[in-house]
N, C-alpha and C. Protein backbone atom coordinates (compact mmCIF):
# COMPACT_ATOMS: atom_id res chain seq x y z
N MET A 1 0.82 -1.16 0.03
CA MET A 1 0.01 -0.02 -0.01
C MET A 1 0.89 1.30 0.00
N ASN A 2 0.53 2.18 -0.84
CA ASN A 2 1.26 3.41 -0.96
C ASN A 2 0.87 4.44 0.10
N GLN A 3 1.77 5.05 0.69
CA GLN A 3 1.51 6.08 1.72
C GLN A 3 1.80 7.44 1.29
N ASN A 4 2.04 7.73 0.02
CA ASN A 4 2.33 9.06 -0.39
C ASN A 4 1.05 9.99 -0.34
N GLU A 5 1.25 11.20 0.01
CA GLU A 5 0.17 12.19 0.04
C GLU A 5 0.64 13.48 -0.57
N ILE A 6 -0.35 14.15 -1.20
CA ILE A 6 -0.03 15.45 -1.77
C ILE A 6 -1.03 16.37 -1.13
N GLU A 7 -0.72 17.60 -0.98
CA GLU A 7 -1.65 18.61 -0.50
C GLU A 7 -2.08 19.44 -1.65
N ILE A 8 -3.36 19.61 -1.73
CA ILE A 8 -3.94 20.40 -2.79
C ILE A 8 -4.80 21.53 -2.13
N PRO A 9 -4.56 22.77 -2.53
CA PRO A 9 -5.24 23.81 -1.81
C PRO A 9 -6.76 23.76 -2.23
N ASN A 10 -7.54 24.22 -1.25
CA ASN A 10 -9.08 24.22 -1.41
C ASN A 10 -9.40 25.07 -2.74
N TRP A 11 -8.86 26.19 -2.94
CA TRP A 11 -9.25 26.97 -4.03
C TRP A 11 -9.08 26.16 -5.32
N TYR A 12 -8.07 25.28 -5.41
CA TYR A 12 -7.85 24.57 -6.58
C TYR A 12 -8.91 23.58 -6.82
N LEU A 13 -9.35 22.90 -5.68
CA LEU A 13 -10.45 21.88 -5.78
C LEU A 13 -11.81 22.42 -6.09
N ILE A 14 -12.09 23.66 -5.73
CA ILE A 14 -13.43 24.21 -5.98
C ILE A 14 -13.42 25.17 -7.22
N HIS A 15 -12.32 25.35 -7.87
CA HIS A 15 -12.18 26.28 -9.03
C HIS A 15 -12.75 25.60 -10.23
N ASN A 16 -13.60 26.31 -11.07
CA ASN A 16 -14.12 25.76 -12.30
C ASN A 16 -12.99 25.36 -13.18
N GLY A 17 -13.03 24.08 -13.72
CA GLY A 17 -11.98 23.53 -14.47
C GLY A 17 -11.63 24.26 -15.69
N HIS A 18 -12.64 24.71 -16.43
CA HIS A 18 -12.51 25.46 -17.67
C HIS A 18 -11.79 26.84 -17.47
N GLU A 19 -12.26 27.51 -16.39
CA GLU A 19 -11.59 28.72 -15.97
C GLU A 19 -10.13 28.54 -15.64
N LEU A 20 -9.89 27.50 -14.83
CA LEU A 20 -8.52 27.20 -14.38
C LEU A 20 -7.66 26.92 -15.56
N GLU A 21 -8.14 26.20 -16.54
CA GLU A 21 -7.39 25.84 -17.71
C GLU A 21 -7.00 27.10 -18.51
N GLU A 22 -8.01 28.07 -18.65
CA GLU A 22 -7.69 29.24 -19.31
C GLU A 22 -6.69 30.14 -18.55
N LYS A 23 -6.77 30.17 -17.25
CA LYS A 23 -5.81 30.95 -16.42
C LYS A 23 -4.43 30.28 -16.55
N LEU A 24 -4.33 29.04 -16.56
CA LEU A 24 -3.07 28.36 -16.76
C LEU A 24 -2.51 28.67 -18.17
N LYS A 25 -3.28 28.67 -19.15
CA LYS A 25 -2.79 28.98 -20.44
C LYS A 25 -2.46 30.45 -20.61
N ALA A 26 -3.12 31.32 -19.89
CA ALA A 26 -2.68 32.80 -19.91
C ALA A 26 -1.34 33.00 -19.17
N GLU A 27 -1.17 32.22 -18.15
CA GLU A 27 0.11 32.31 -17.30
C GLU A 27 1.28 31.68 -18.02
N PHE A 28 0.99 30.56 -18.63
CA PHE A 28 1.99 29.76 -19.34
C PHE A 28 1.58 29.57 -20.81
N PRO A 29 1.93 30.53 -21.69
CA PRO A 29 1.58 30.49 -23.08
C PRO A 29 1.99 29.22 -23.79
N GLN A 30 2.96 28.55 -23.44
CA GLN A 30 3.36 27.35 -24.06
C GLN A 30 2.28 26.25 -23.98
N LEU A 31 1.41 26.39 -22.96
CA LEU A 31 0.24 25.38 -22.86
C LEU A 31 -0.82 25.64 -23.88
N ARG A 32 -0.71 26.72 -24.64
CA ARG A 32 -1.76 27.00 -25.61
C ARG A 32 -1.76 26.11 -26.77
N ARG A 33 -0.67 25.30 -26.89
CA ARG A 33 -0.62 24.35 -27.96
C ARG A 33 -1.66 23.22 -27.87
N TYR A 34 -2.15 23.10 -26.57
CA TYR A 34 -3.26 22.16 -26.30
C TYR A 34 -4.54 22.88 -26.57
N ALA A 35 -4.86 23.12 -27.76
CA ALA A 35 -6.00 24.03 -28.11
C ALA A 35 -7.40 23.30 -28.08
N ARG A 36 -7.43 22.05 -28.36
CA ARG A 36 -8.62 21.34 -28.35
C ARG A 36 -9.14 20.97 -26.96
N GLU A 37 -10.45 20.98 -26.69
CA GLU A 37 -11.04 20.68 -25.46
C GLU A 37 -10.50 19.35 -25.04
N GLY A 38 -9.99 19.24 -23.79
CA GLY A 38 -9.57 18.00 -23.19
C GLY A 38 -8.07 17.69 -23.47
N ASP A 39 -7.50 18.33 -24.45
CA ASP A 39 -6.08 17.96 -24.77
C ASP A 39 -5.12 18.17 -23.62
N LEU A 40 -5.29 19.35 -22.87
CA LEU A 40 -4.37 19.65 -21.77
C LEU A 40 -4.58 18.62 -20.62
N LYS A 41 -5.86 18.31 -20.38
CA LYS A 41 -6.14 17.39 -19.30
C LYS A 41 -5.53 16.01 -19.60
N LYS A 42 -5.69 15.59 -20.83
CA LYS A 42 -5.12 14.26 -21.20
C LYS A 42 -3.64 14.27 -21.08
N GLU A 43 -3.00 15.42 -21.48
CA GLU A 43 -1.57 15.41 -21.35
C GLU A 43 -1.12 15.38 -19.89
N VAL A 44 -1.78 16.12 -18.98
CA VAL A 44 -1.51 16.11 -17.57
C VAL A 44 -1.60 14.67 -17.02
N VAL A 45 -2.67 14.01 -17.33
CA VAL A 45 -2.91 12.62 -16.84
C VAL A 45 -1.81 11.79 -17.33
N ALA A 46 -1.49 11.88 -18.65
CA ALA A 46 -0.45 10.96 -19.21
C ALA A 46 0.89 11.17 -18.48
N LYS A 47 1.17 12.50 -18.25
CA LYS A 47 2.46 12.85 -17.58
C LYS A 47 2.53 12.20 -16.17
N VAL A 48 1.42 12.33 -15.43
CA VAL A 48 1.39 11.82 -14.08
C VAL A 48 1.52 10.33 -14.08
N ILE A 49 0.86 9.64 -15.03
CA ILE A 49 0.90 8.21 -15.07
C ILE A 49 2.34 7.75 -15.49
N ASP A 50 2.99 8.43 -16.45
CA ASP A 50 4.30 8.07 -16.84
C ASP A 50 5.37 8.37 -15.78
N ASP A 51 5.25 9.67 -15.29
CA ASP A 51 6.39 10.22 -14.45
C ASP A 51 6.24 9.90 -12.93
N VAL A 52 5.08 9.95 -12.50
CA VAL A 52 4.93 9.69 -10.91
C VAL A 52 3.55 8.92 -10.74
N PRO A 53 3.60 7.75 -11.20
CA PRO A 53 2.42 6.88 -11.03
C PRO A 53 2.15 6.56 -9.49
N GLU A 54 3.05 6.80 -8.72
CA GLU A 54 2.77 6.54 -7.24
C GLU A 54 1.78 7.58 -6.67
N LEU A 55 1.51 8.63 -7.41
CA LEU A 55 0.52 9.64 -6.95
C LEU A 55 -0.91 9.22 -7.37
N ILE A 56 -1.06 8.21 -8.15
CA ILE A 56 -2.33 7.77 -8.57
C ILE A 56 -2.80 6.59 -7.72
N PRO A 57 -4.02 6.66 -7.20
CA PRO A 57 -4.56 5.51 -6.40
C PRO A 57 -4.44 4.29 -7.17
N HIS A 58 -4.17 3.19 -6.56
CA HIS A 58 -4.01 1.89 -7.30
C HIS A 58 -5.24 1.52 -8.08
N ASP A 59 -6.39 1.72 -7.51
CA ASP A 59 -7.64 1.31 -8.16
C ASP A 59 -7.80 2.00 -9.52
N ILE A 60 -7.46 3.34 -9.52
CA ILE A 60 -7.60 4.08 -10.73
C ILE A 60 -6.55 3.62 -11.76
N LEU A 61 -5.31 3.45 -11.27
CA LEU A 61 -4.23 2.99 -12.24
C LEU A 61 -4.67 1.62 -12.85
N ASP A 62 -5.11 0.68 -12.02
CA ASP A 62 -5.53 -0.67 -12.51
C ASP A 62 -6.66 -0.46 -13.53
N LEU A 63 -7.60 0.46 -13.27
CA LEU A 63 -8.65 0.61 -14.27
C LEU A 63 -8.09 1.11 -15.64
N PHE A 64 -7.15 2.20 -15.50
CA PHE A 64 -6.60 2.64 -16.80
C PHE A 64 -5.78 1.57 -17.53
N ILE A 65 -5.08 0.79 -16.82
CA ILE A 65 -4.40 -0.30 -17.40
C ILE A 65 -5.37 -1.32 -18.16
N GLU A 66 -6.40 -1.67 -17.39
CA GLU A 66 -7.39 -2.55 -18.04
C GLU A 66 -8.08 -1.91 -19.31
N ILE A 67 -8.39 -0.65 -19.24
CA ILE A 67 -8.98 0.05 -20.40
C ILE A 67 -8.06 0.03 -21.62
N GLN A 68 -6.73 0.21 -21.29
CA GLN A 68 -5.78 0.33 -22.39
C GLN A 68 -5.57 -1.07 -23.05
N SER A 69 -5.86 -2.09 -22.27
CA SER A 69 -5.57 -3.50 -22.88
C SER A 69 -6.73 -3.96 -23.79
N HIS A 70 -7.82 -3.17 -23.87
CA HIS A 70 -8.96 -3.60 -24.69
C HIS A 70 -8.86 -2.84 -26.00
């Protein structure tokens, strides 16, 4: 069982996702290359899975692995 924890500020958890994405793209113009809806989210998920999979709950990681195998 993994005991890693990360702290996420409340403002981030309650912020509208679309607004947050636009603010991130305004602050970091290089993120604008992810222009289509969902592209940035997919890239973030892929990076976390590839680079720090220990931050993903095992149940979710197992589900993703099962989905990819079909």
